[in-house]
Every structure is written in structure tokens, then in C-alpha cells.
């Protein structure tokens, strides 16, 4: 757990992230240009407006703490490896969903300490909803100004209700299909951005297997919320907690988000990864 983020600091951060979200909404509700980055991912002026707003917010609230953003991701590892505490942000997670205008995009702000996401804010401007959590202190969902504490749920038992499995709206994979085929009775929900992890955190879904590429800034904020809500975000190969800033690359391994480990899904995961 961390005691770095005080109540006052958290409130200032939540207000600032909400303000950045309003800037994003202003772009969302009018016409804008879409550029293509070197990795072929899309970029809009909303990404950059959010980036500048969030970096300014963090530098104001926590001067001296480094900030790594998707839009400043060229900071060399030789520099990053010296950081024992830093902010990791995705100014607009789900740019494809933003462009599709389905509302399923988020602003992600995570505090990482010694490689572990320990505090996170995930804000969905169109939904007027924010999830936030601090490891060891709990997690909350704030919907239209009303806050409630959230926690993960236990997996249904044999013969019970169907498991709810969350999948990506824009990034499927053969391994995901192979995994689902080995699970007990279940239903699937497709969704964009970090909202998928938040569904597990608030007990509205049981598993989110991400068996396709992501980057650390895509997941760190929501990982902190999941862990604060009593859940886990695990490397799909090792079943160890996902960690940040351990290597030059900021790409994540495949992972799974769960309320708890269970032999039924760990066996299915191992078999599906071996097959694909």
C-alpha cells in the first residue's frame, strides 16, 4: 500500500482529471482531424489536450515526481529505471472508441511505486463516471457525483449463474477464443478501453483475459483500482502480478484480470496459451 496520496491530493487529482475530461468532450462533440502515429495507432487533438492538461496537473500537485505519458513515451529506460515513484498516464485510452463515438474511452492516471501501480484514476467523460482506488485503502466508483465503494465478486460455483467474461471491442485474438471455449458456462461482454478492468473491479464481471498486445499506460491505473478492490491483474504466463518499468519496452505481457485465482480458469488459460 502507499500513503503518498493524501485525501486532499486525491481530491485535487480527481477534480483535475474531470477538468481534462471536459476538454476531451469539447473535441469529441465537434469535428476534428485524426492523425496516424508511427505505430499506426490513431491520434487526435483530444489526446494531446488531455496529455498537456494531465501533465500540468501532476506537476502542480506533486512537483518533482516524474511523469510518463503515452504521448511522451520516448523517455529512455536508462532514465526511467532510476524512478522509484512516478506517474504513468494514458491521456486518452480507447482512441478508436473515441473516433467511433461510442463513449467507451477513458483518461488513465496511475501512481507507480517500485514497479507496482498503487493508486489509479480511470475517468470516462461520456459516462460521467470515475473509478479510483489506492491499494490497501479501497476503491470507489463515482457516478454523476455519487460515490460508492466497490469490490470484486467471487466466482460462481458449479452449476450456478454463468460467468461474465469481458473482451475487447476492437482487439480480439485466437487465444481469447480458445480460452473461452474451455471455460464453464459463461456470457461475454465486449467493451473498449480500461472500462473492462473496471467491470471486474466493481464486481460486474468475473474475468478479463487480455491475450493481445497492450502497453503499461493502458492498464496501470485500472490495475491499481482492481487491486484496491480486492482483485488481481496477473501475467498470463507466470500468474504473477503485472509490473511496470521493468525493462526497456513498455509493452505488457498477456494478462488476466480476476477477482481471485481459480483452478478452472487457470487450467483453461494454460491450455489455451499452449495451443495458440
C-alpha atoms as a PDB file:
ATOM      1  CA  UNK A   1       0.000   0.000   0.000  1.00  0.00           C
ATOM      2  CA  UNK A   2       1.001   3.636  -0.270  1.00  0.00           C
ATOM      3  CA  UNK A   3       0.386   6.598   1.956  1.00  0.00           C
ATOM      4  CA  UNK A   4       1.821   9.045  -0.572  1.00  0.00           C
ATOM      5  CA  UNK A   5      -1.564  10.172  -1.925  1.00  0.00           C
ATOM      6  CA  UNK A   6      -3.347  12.097   0.815  1.00  0.00           C
ATOM      7  CA  UNK A   7      -7.093  12.774   0.837  1.00  0.00           C
ATOM      8  CA  UNK A   8      -6.518  16.374  -0.240  1.00  0.00           C
ATOM      9  CA  UNK A   9      -4.175  15.286  -3.033  1.00  0.00           C
ATOM     10  CA  UNK A  10      -6.677  12.691  -4.235  1.00  0.00           C
ATOM     11  CA  UNK A  11      -9.462  15.272  -4.352  1.00  0.00           C
ATOM     12  CA  UNK A  12      -7.302  17.710  -6.330  1.00  0.00           C
ATOM     13  CA  UNK A  13      -6.356  14.950  -8.757  1.00  0.00           C
ATOM     14  CA  UNK A  14      -9.958  13.835  -9.238  1.00  0.00           C
ATOM     15  CA  UNK A  15     -11.043  17.406  -9.933  1.00  0.00           C
ATOM     16  CA  UNK A  16      -8.173  17.930 -12.368  1.00  0.00           C
ATOM     17  CA  UNK A  17      -8.823  14.704 -14.252  1.00  0.00           C
ATOM     18  CA  UNK A  18     -12.501  15.666 -14.503  1.00  0.00           C
ATOM     19  CA  UNK A  19     -11.487  19.046 -15.956  1.00  0.00           C
ATOM     20  CA  UNK A  20      -9.229  17.324 -18.509  1.00  0.00           C
ATOM     21  CA  UNK A  21     -12.172  15.104 -19.389  1.00  0.00           C
ATOM     22  CA  UNK A  22     -14.268  18.167 -20.169  1.00  0.00           C
ATOM     23  CA  UNK A  23     -11.562  19.325 -22.589  1.00  0.00           C
ATOM     24  CA  UNK A  24     -11.707  15.929 -24.268  1.00  0.00           C
ATOM     25  CA  UNK A  25     -15.501  16.128 -24.509  1.00  0.00           C
ATOM     26  CA  UNK A  26     -15.274  19.501 -26.209  1.00  0.00           C
ATOM     27  CA  UNK A  27     -13.271  17.893 -29.015  1.00  0.00           C
ATOM     28  CA  UNK A  28     -15.447  14.757 -29.015  1.00  0.00           C
ATOM     29  CA  UNK A  29     -18.571  16.808 -29.707  1.00  0.00           C
ATOM     30  CA  UNK A  30     -17.218  18.609 -32.772  1.00  0.00           C
ATOM     31  CA  UNK A  31     -15.243  17.813 -35.896  1.00  0.00           C
ATOM     32  CA  UNK A  32     -11.512  17.122 -35.593  1.00  0.00           C
ATOM     33  CA  UNK A  33      -8.593  15.693 -37.558  1.00  0.00           C
ATOM     34  CA  UNK A  34      -7.231  12.189 -36.997  1.00  0.00           C
ATOM     35  CA  UNK A  35      -3.505  11.607 -37.458  1.00  0.00           C
ATOM     36  CA  UNK A  36      -1.631   8.309 -37.547  1.00  0.00           C
ATOM     37  CA  UNK A  37       1.345   7.708 -35.274  1.00  0.00           C
ATOM     38  CA  UNK A  38       4.420   5.674 -36.188  1.00  0.00           C
ATOM     39  CA  UNK A  39       2.879   2.514 -34.719  1.00  0.00           C
ATOM     40  CA  UNK A  40      -0.222   3.037 -36.908  1.00  0.00           C
ATOM     41  CA  UNK A  41      -2.390   3.949 -33.910  1.00  0.00           C
ATOM     42  CA  UNK A  42      -4.671   6.992 -34.256  1.00  0.00           C
ATOM     43  CA  UNK A  43      -4.041  10.364 -32.607  1.00  0.00           C
ATOM     44  CA  UNK A  44      -6.458  13.277 -32.195  1.00  0.00           C
ATOM     45  CA  UNK A  45      -6.169  16.749 -30.730  1.00  0.00           C
ATOM     46  CA  UNK A  46      -8.124  15.402 -27.745  1.00  0.00           C
ATOM     47  CA  UNK A  47      -5.206  13.050 -26.941  1.00  0.00           C
ATOM     48  CA  UNK A  48      -2.820  15.981 -26.856  1.00  0.00           C
ATOM     49  CA  UNK A  49      -5.148  18.350 -24.981  1.00  0.00           C
ATOM     50  CA  UNK A  50      -5.600  15.714 -22.288  1.00  0.00           C
ATOM     51  CA  UNK A  51      -1.863  14.991 -22.219  1.00  0.00           C
ATOM     52  CA  UNK A  52      -0.963  18.627 -21.591  1.00  0.00           C
ATOM     53  CA  UNK A  53      -3.725  19.078 -19.005  1.00  0.00           C
ATOM     54  CA  UNK A  54      -2.796  15.955 -17.043  1.00  0.00           C
ATOM     55  CA  UNK A  55       0.944  16.602 -17.080  1.00  0.00           C
ATOM     56  CA  UNK A  56       0.341  20.159 -15.834  1.00  0.00           C
ATOM     57  CA  UNK A  57      -1.994  18.813 -13.122  1.00  0.00           C
ATOM     58  CA  UNK A  58       0.502  16.248 -11.854  1.00  0.00           C
ATOM     59  CA  UNK A  59       3.415  18.679 -11.918  1.00  0.00           C
ATOM     60  CA  UNK A  60       1.315  21.086  -9.861  1.00  0.00           C
ATOM     61  CA  UNK A  61       0.043  18.563  -7.304  1.00  0.00           C
ATOM     62  CA  UNK A  62       3.253  16.540  -6.944  1.00  0.00           C
ATOM     63  CA  UNK A  63       6.203  18.653  -8.103  1.00  0.00           C
ATOM     64  CA  UNK A  64       9.336  16.628  -8.644  1.00  0.00           C
ATOM     65  CA  UNK A  65       7.582  13.299  -9.323  1.00  0.00           C
ATOM     66  CA  UNK A  66       8.353  12.189 -12.904  1.00  0.00           C
ATOM     67  CA  UNK A  67       5.518  11.725 -15.404  1.00  0.00           C
ATOM     68  CA  UNK A  68       5.481   9.182 -18.227  1.00  0.00           C
ATOM     69  CA  UNK A  69       2.655   9.628 -20.714  1.00  0.00           C
ATOM     70  CA  UNK A  70       1.801   7.672 -23.838  1.00  0.00           C
ATOM     71  CA  UNK A  71       2.398  10.938 -25.669  1.00  0.00           C
ATOM     72  CA  UNK A  72       5.883  11.322 -24.128  1.00  0.00           C
ATOM     73  CA  UNK A  73       6.806   7.652 -24.226  1.00  0.00           C
ATOM     74  CA  UNK A  74      10.280   8.203 -25.670  1.00  0.00           C
ATOM     75  CA  UNK A  75      11.874   8.757 -22.246  1.00  0.00           C
ATOM     76  CA  UNK A  76      14.813   6.305 -22.283  1.00  0.00           C
ATOM     77  CA  UNK A  77      14.866   3.352 -19.920  1.00  0.00           C
ATOM     78  CA  UNK A  78      18.237   4.466 -18.558  1.00  0.00           C
ATOM     79  CA  UNK A  79      16.344   7.427 -17.133  1.00  0.00           C
ATOM     80  CA  UNK A  80      13.154   5.576 -16.177  1.00  0.00           C
ATOM     81  CA  UNK A  81      14.927   2.780 -14.337  1.00  0.00           C
ATOM     82  CA  UNK A  82      16.075   5.254 -11.678  1.00  0.00           C
ATOM     83  CA  UNK A  83      12.484   6.148 -10.767  1.00  0.00           C
ATOM     84  CA  UNK A  84      11.153   4.527  -7.592  1.00  0.00           C
ATOM     85  CA  UNK A  85       7.946   6.572  -7.874  1.00  0.00           C
ATOM     86  CA  UNK A  86       6.377   8.103 -10.969  1.00  0.00           C
ATOM     87  CA  UNK A  87       3.085   8.913 -12.633  1.00  0.00           C
ATOM     88  CA  UNK A  88       2.060   6.801 -15.618  1.00  0.00           C
ATOM     89  CA  UNK A  89      -0.753   8.196 -17.758  1.00  0.00           C
ATOM     90  CA  UNK A  90      -2.729   7.424 -20.863  1.00  0.00           C
ATOM     91  CA  UNK A  91      -4.365  10.734 -21.767  1.00  0.00           C
ATOM     92  CA  UNK A  92      -6.957   9.017 -23.955  1.00  0.00           C
ATOM     93  CA  UNK A  93      -7.272   5.249 -23.669  1.00  0.00           C
ATOM     94  CA  UNK A  94      -9.519   3.951 -26.418  1.00  0.00           C
ATOM     95  CA  UNK A  95      -8.881   6.495 -29.173  1.00  0.00           C
ATOM     96  CA  UNK A  96     -10.539   4.092 -31.631  1.00  0.00           C
ATOM     97  CA  UNK A  97     -13.669   4.142 -29.482  1.00  0.00           C
ATOM     98  CA  UNK A  98     -13.419   7.939 -29.280  1.00  0.00           C
ATOM     99  CA  UNK A  99     -13.369   8.130 -33.075  1.00  0.00           C
ATOM    100  CA  UNK A 100     -16.300   5.692 -33.327  1.00  0.00           C
ATOM    101  CA  UNK A 101     -18.184   7.943 -30.876  1.00  0.00           C
ATOM    102  CA  UNK A 102     -19.373   5.052 -28.706  1.00  0.00           C
ATOM    103  CA  UNK A 103     -18.233   6.745 -25.481  1.00  0.00           C
ATOM    104  CA  UNK A 104     -16.041   3.837 -24.369  1.00  0.00           C
ATOM    105  CA  UNK A 105     -12.811   5.728 -23.770  1.00  0.00           C
ATOM    106  CA  UNK A 106     -11.066   6.827 -20.595  1.00  0.00           C
ATOM    107  CA  UNK A 107      -8.408   9.077 -19.118  1.00  0.00           C
ATOM    108  CA  UNK A 108      -5.996   6.967 -17.061  1.00  0.00           C
ATOM    109  CA  UNK A 109      -3.720   8.247 -14.275  1.00  0.00           C
ATOM    110  CA  UNK A 110      -1.621   5.826 -12.202  1.00  0.00           C
ATOM    111  CA  UNK A 111       0.959   6.225  -9.479  1.00  0.00           C
ATOM    112  CA  UNK A 112       3.637   3.526  -9.734  1.00  0.00           C
ATOM    113  CA  UNK A 113       5.926   2.761  -6.806  1.00  0.00           C
ATOM    114  CA  UNK A 114       8.837   0.341  -7.243  1.00  0.00           C
ATOM    115  CA  UNK A 115       7.153  -1.171 -10.292  1.00  0.00           C
ATOM    116  CA  UNK A 116       3.703  -1.622  -8.747  1.00  0.00           C
ATOM    117  CA  UNK A 117       0.633   0.521  -9.588  1.00  0.00           C
ATOM    118  CA  UNK A 118      -0.581   1.664  -6.155  1.00  0.00           C
ATOM    119  CA  UNK A 119      -3.071   4.422  -6.954  1.00  0.00           C
ATOM    120  CA  UNK A 120      -5.232   4.919 -10.003  1.00  0.00           C
ATOM    121  CA  UNK A 121      -7.915   7.107 -11.535  1.00  0.00           C
ATOM    122  CA  UNK A 122      -9.914   5.947 -14.564  1.00  0.00           C
ATOM    123  CA  UNK A 123     -12.310   8.612 -15.852  1.00  0.00           C
ATOM    124  CA  UNK A 124     -14.924   8.055 -18.573  1.00  0.00           C
ATOM    125  CA  UNK A 125     -16.113  11.547 -19.630  1.00  0.00           C
ATOM    126  CA  UNK A 126     -19.095  10.492 -21.752  1.00  0.00           C
ATOM    127  CA  UNK A 127     -20.364   8.233 -18.965  1.00  0.00           C
ATOM    128  CA  UNK A 128     -19.694  10.915 -16.313  1.00  0.00           C
ATOM    129  CA  UNK A 129     -18.146   8.116 -14.264  1.00  0.00           C
ATOM    130  CA  UNK A 130     -14.816   7.758 -12.479  1.00  0.00           C
ATOM    131  CA  UNK A 131     -13.228   4.767 -10.796  1.00  0.00           C
ATOM    132  CA  UNK A 132     -10.394   5.379  -8.350  1.00  0.00           C
ATOM    133  CA  UNK A 133      -8.536   3.349  -5.791  1.00  0.00           C
ATOM    134  CA  UNK A 134      -5.497   3.204  -3.571  1.00  0.00           C
ATOM    135  CA  UNK A 135      -4.018  -0.186  -2.730  1.00  0.00           C
ATOM    136  CA  UNK A 136      -4.648  -1.011   0.896  1.00  0.00           C
ATOM    137  CA  UNK A 137      -7.287   1.691   1.269  1.00  0.00           C
ATOM    138  CA  UNK A 138     -10.114   0.620  -1.053  1.00  0.00           C
ATOM    139  CA  UNK A 139     -11.699   1.538  -4.375  1.00  0.00           C
ATOM    140  CA  UNK A 140     -14.655   3.689  -5.377  1.00  0.00           C
ATOM    141  CA  UNK A 141     -16.920   4.354  -8.321  1.00  0.00           C
ATOM    142  CA  UNK A 142     -18.170   7.925  -8.703  1.00  0.00           C
ATOM    143  CA  UNK A 143     -21.216   8.105 -10.981  1.00  0.00           C
ATOM    144  CA  UNK A 144     -22.723  11.512 -11.700  1.00  0.00           C
ATOM    145  CA  UNK A 145     -21.194  12.821  -8.490  1.00  0.00           C
ATOM    146  CA  UNK A 146     -22.351   9.962  -6.237  1.00  0.00           C
ATOM    147  CA  UNK A 147     -19.531   7.809  -4.811  1.00  0.00           C
ATOM    148  CA  UNK A 148     -19.837   4.205  -3.682  1.00  0.00           C
ATOM    149  CA  UNK A 149     -17.238   1.732  -2.526  1.00  0.00           C
ATOM    150  CA  UNK A 150     -16.623  -1.188  -4.889  1.00  0.00           C
ATOM    151  CA  UNK A 151     -15.099  -4.635  -4.626  1.00  0.00           C
ATOM    152  CA  UNK A 152     -14.613  -7.678  -6.819  1.00  0.00           C
ATOM    153  CA  UNK A 153     -17.018 -10.596  -6.566  1.00  0.00           C
ATOM    154  CA  UNK A 154     -16.494 -14.307  -6.001  1.00  0.00           C
ATOM    155  CA  UNK A 155     -16.697 -16.635  -8.989  1.00  0.00           C
ATOM    156  CA  UNK A 156     -19.996 -18.504  -9.353  1.00  0.00           C
ATOM    157  CA  UNK A 157     -19.875 -22.117  -8.198  1.00  0.00           C
ATOM    158  CA  UNK A 158     -20.525 -25.198 -10.271  1.00  0.00           C
ATOM    159  CA  UNK A 159     -23.982 -25.183 -11.828  1.00  0.00           C
ATOM    160  CA  UNK A 160     -24.561 -21.597 -10.749  1.00  0.00           C
ATOM    161  CA  UNK A 161     -25.056 -18.485 -12.804  1.00  0.00           C
ATOM    162  CA  UNK A 162     -22.951 -18.011 -15.908  1.00  0.00           C
ATOM    163  CA  UNK A 163     -19.549 -16.404 -15.545  1.00  0.00           C
ATOM    164  CA  UNK A 164     -19.256 -12.992 -17.162  1.00  0.00           C
ATOM    165  CA  UNK A 165     -16.159 -12.647 -19.365  1.00  0.00           C
ATOM    166  CA  UNK A 166     -15.094  -9.246 -20.664  1.00  0.00           C
ATOM    167  CA  UNK A 167     -13.438  -8.950 -24.060  1.00  0.00           C
ATOM    168  CA  UNK A 168     -12.037  -6.129 -26.165  1.00  0.00           C
ATOM    169  CA  UNK A 169     -14.356  -4.425 -28.606  1.00  0.00           C
ATOM    170  CA  UNK A 170     -11.532  -3.669 -31.044  1.00  0.00           C
ATOM    171  CA  UNK A 171      -8.799  -6.267 -30.333  1.00  0.00           C
ATOM    172  CA  UNK A 172      -9.783  -9.932 -30.321  1.00  0.00           C
ATOM    173  CA  UNK A 173      -7.424 -12.904 -30.540  1.00  0.00           C
ATOM    174  CA  UNK A 174      -7.368 -16.641 -31.230  1.00  0.00           C
ATOM    175  CA  UNK A 175      -6.036 -17.246 -27.719  1.00  0.00           C
ATOM    176  CA  UNK A 176      -9.033 -15.441 -26.224  1.00  0.00           C
ATOM    177  CA  UNK A 177     -11.415 -17.646 -28.197  1.00  0.00           C
ATOM    178  CA  UNK A 178      -9.508 -20.786 -27.185  1.00  0.00           C
ATOM    179  CA  UNK A 179      -9.590 -19.721 -23.539  1.00  0.00           C
ATOM    180  CA  UNK A 180     -13.328 -19.034 -23.530  1.00  0.00           C
ATOM    181  CA  UNK A 181     -14.030 -22.375 -25.200  1.00  0.00           C
ATOM    182  CA  UNK A 182     -12.559 -24.153 -22.152  1.00  0.00           C
ATOM    183  CA  UNK A 183     -14.493 -22.241 -19.501  1.00  0.00           C
ATOM    184  CA  UNK A 184     -17.664 -23.280 -17.684  1.00  0.00           C
ATOM    185  CA  UNK A 185     -20.975 -21.741 -18.747  1.00  0.00           C
ATOM    186  CA  UNK A 186     -20.380 -18.062 -19.418  1.00  0.00           C
ATOM    187  CA  UNK A 187     -21.510 -14.985 -21.270  1.00  0.00           C
ATOM    188  CA  UNK A 188     -19.334 -12.356 -22.897  1.00  0.00           C
ATOM    189  CA  UNK A 189     -19.367  -8.592 -22.783  1.00  0.00           C
ATOM    190  CA  UNK A 190     -17.388  -6.535 -25.308  1.00  0.00           C
ATOM    191  CA  UNK A 191     -16.133  -3.119 -24.282  1.00  0.00           C
ATOM    192  CA  UNK A 192     -13.405  -0.628 -25.064  1.00  0.00           C
ATOM    193  CA  UNK A 193     -10.504   0.830 -23.072  1.00  0.00           C
ATOM    194  CA  UNK A 194      -9.857   0.394 -19.333  1.00  0.00           C
ATOM    195  CA  UNK A 195     -13.573   0.047 -18.689  1.00  0.00           C
ATOM    196  CA  UNK A 196     -13.047  -3.724 -18.972  1.00  0.00           C
ATOM    197  CA  UNK A 197     -10.828  -3.847 -15.894  1.00  0.00           C
ATOM    198  CA  UNK A 198     -13.217  -1.579 -14.027  1.00  0.00           C
ATOM    199  CA  UNK A 199     -16.091  -4.009 -14.629  1.00  0.00           C
ATOM    200  CA  UNK A 200     -14.107  -6.662 -12.755  1.00  0.00           C
ATOM    201  CA  UNK A 201     -13.167  -4.169 -10.028  1.00  0.00           C
ATOM    202  CA  UNK A 202     -16.791  -3.277  -9.332  1.00  0.00           C
ATOM    203  CA  UNK A 203     -17.998  -6.876  -9.363  1.00  0.00           C
ATOM    204  CA  UNK A 204     -19.935  -6.634 -12.619  1.00  0.00           C
ATOM    205  CA  UNK A 205     -17.713  -9.165 -14.402  1.00  0.00           C
ATOM    206  CA  UNK A 206     -15.604 -12.140 -13.358  1.00  0.00           C
ATOM    207  CA  UNK A 207     -12.648 -12.257 -15.746  1.00  0.00           C
ATOM    208  CA  UNK A 208     -10.941 -10.118 -18.338  1.00  0.00           C
ATOM    209  CA  UNK A 209      -8.338 -12.129 -20.262  1.00  0.00           C
ATOM    210  CA  UNK A 210      -6.197  -9.833 -22.390  1.00  0.00           C
ATOM    211  CA  UNK A 211      -4.365 -12.158 -24.757  1.00  0.00           C
ATOM    212  CA  UNK A 212      -3.289  -9.465 -27.202  1.00  0.00           C
ATOM    213  CA  UNK A 213      -0.779  -6.582 -27.002  1.00  0.00           C
ATOM    214  CA  UNK A 214      -1.172  -3.618 -24.635  1.00  0.00           C
ATOM    215  CA  UNK A 215       1.157  -1.061 -23.093  1.00  0.00           C
ATOM    216  CA  UNK A 216       1.732  -0.265 -19.445  1.00  0.00           C
ATOM    217  CA  UNK A 217      -0.061   3.089 -19.641  1.00  0.00           C
ATOM    218  CA  UNK A 218      -3.167   1.258 -20.926  1.00  0.00           C
ATOM    219  CA  UNK A 219      -3.519  -0.785 -17.756  1.00  0.00           C
ATOM    220  CA  UNK A 220      -1.685   0.671 -14.735  1.00  0.00           C
ATOM    221  CA  UNK A 221      -4.441   2.998 -13.473  1.00  0.00           C
ATOM    222  CA  UNK A 222      -7.168   0.377 -13.719  1.00  0.00           C
ATOM    223  CA  UNK A 223      -4.827  -2.265 -12.261  1.00  0.00           C
ATOM    224  CA  UNK A 224      -4.480  -0.133  -9.140  1.00  0.00           C
ATOM    225  CA  UNK A 225      -8.279   0.140  -8.932  1.00  0.00           C
ATOM    226  CA  UNK A 226      -8.703  -3.638  -9.354  1.00  0.00           C
ATOM    227  CA  UNK A 227      -6.128  -4.434  -6.665  1.00  0.00           C
ATOM    228  CA  UNK A 228      -7.596  -1.803  -4.331  1.00  0.00           C
ATOM    229  CA  UNK A 229     -10.980  -3.510  -4.865  1.00  0.00           C
ATOM    230  CA  UNK A 230      -9.541  -6.868  -3.780  1.00  0.00           C
ATOM    231  CA  UNK A 231      -8.752  -8.317  -7.209  1.00  0.00           C
ATOM    232  CA  UNK A 232      -5.653  -9.216  -9.189  1.00  0.00           C
ATOM    233  CA  UNK A 233      -4.068  -8.422 -12.560  1.00  0.00           C
ATOM    234  CA  UNK A 234      -1.760 -11.300 -13.423  1.00  0.00           C
ATOM    235  CA  UNK A 235       0.785 -12.138 -16.102  1.00  0.00           C
ATOM    236  CA  UNK A 236      -0.978 -14.851 -18.118  1.00  0.00           C
ATOM    237  CA  UNK A 237       2.175 -16.982 -18.385  1.00  0.00           C
ATOM    238  CA  UNK A 238       3.508 -16.772 -14.829  1.00  0.00           C
ATOM    239  CA  UNK A 239       0.349 -15.812 -12.888  1.00  0.00           C
ATOM    240  CA  UNK A 240       2.468 -13.232 -11.070  1.00  0.00           C
ATOM    241  CA  UNK A 241       1.201  -9.649 -10.651  1.00  0.00           C
ATOM    242  CA  UNK A 242       1.692  -7.396 -13.658  1.00  0.00           C
ATOM    243  CA  UNK A 243       4.510  -4.897 -13.052  1.00  0.00           C
ATOM    244  CA  UNK A 244       5.671  -1.685 -14.702  1.00  0.00           C
ATOM    245  CA  UNK A 245       9.024  -0.227 -15.714  1.00  0.00           C
ATOM    246  CA  UNK A 246      10.983  -3.479 -15.509  1.00  0.00           C
ATOM    247  CA  UNK A 247      12.536  -3.283 -18.977  1.00  0.00           C
ATOM    248  CA  UNK A 248      13.201  -1.024 -21.931  1.00  0.00           C
ATOM    249  CA  UNK A 249       9.895  -1.938 -23.582  1.00  0.00           C
ATOM    250  CA  UNK A 250       6.637  -0.611 -22.130  1.00  0.00           C
ATOM    251  CA  UNK A 251       4.657  -3.455 -23.686  1.00  0.00           C
ATOM    252  CA  UNK A 252       2.751  -5.694 -21.278  1.00  0.00           C
ATOM    253  CA  UNK A 253       2.793  -9.478 -21.414  1.00  0.00           C
ATOM    254  CA  UNK A 254      -0.588 -11.109 -21.949  1.00  0.00           C
ATOM    255  CA  UNK A 255      -2.551 -10.856 -18.710  1.00  0.00           C
ATOM    256  CA  UNK A 256      -5.777 -11.757 -16.949  1.00  0.00           C
ATOM    257  CA  UNK A 257      -7.858  -9.659 -14.579  1.00  0.00           C
ATOM    258  CA  UNK A 258      -9.715 -11.597 -11.903  1.00  0.00           C
ATOM    259  CA  UNK A 259     -11.318 -11.354  -8.512  1.00  0.00           C
ATOM    260  CA  UNK A 260      -9.495 -14.483  -7.401  1.00  0.00           C
ATOM    261  CA  UNK A 261      -7.444 -17.359  -8.762  1.00  0.00           C
ATOM    262  CA  UNK A 262      -9.412 -20.494  -9.556  1.00  0.00           C
ATOM    263  CA  UNK A 263      -8.224 -23.829 -10.919  1.00  0.00           C
ATOM    264  CA  UNK A 264     -10.997 -23.841 -13.509  1.00  0.00           C
ATOM    265  CA  UNK A 265      -9.734 -20.788 -15.329  1.00  0.00           C
ATOM    266  CA  UNK A 266      -6.012 -21.248 -14.647  1.00  0.00           C
ATOM    267  CA  UNK A 267      -6.151 -24.677 -16.340  1.00  0.00           C
ATOM    268  CA  UNK A 268      -8.120 -23.240 -19.263  1.00  0.00           C
ATOM    269  CA  UNK A 269      -5.625 -20.403 -19.615  1.00  0.00           C
ATOM    270  CA  UNK A 270      -2.569 -22.657 -19.633  1.00  0.00           C
ATOM    271  CA  UNK A 271      -4.099 -24.973 -22.211  1.00  0.00           C
ATOM    272  CA  UNK A 272      -5.219 -22.174 -24.492  1.00  0.00           C
ATOM    273  CA  UNK A 273      -1.831 -20.438 -24.452  1.00  0.00           C
ATOM    274  CA  UNK A 274      -0.100 -23.737 -25.231  1.00  0.00           C
ATOM    275  CA  UNK A 275      -2.430 -24.289 -28.163  1.00  0.00           C
ATOM    276  CA  UNK A 276      -2.104 -20.890 -29.851  1.00  0.00           C
END
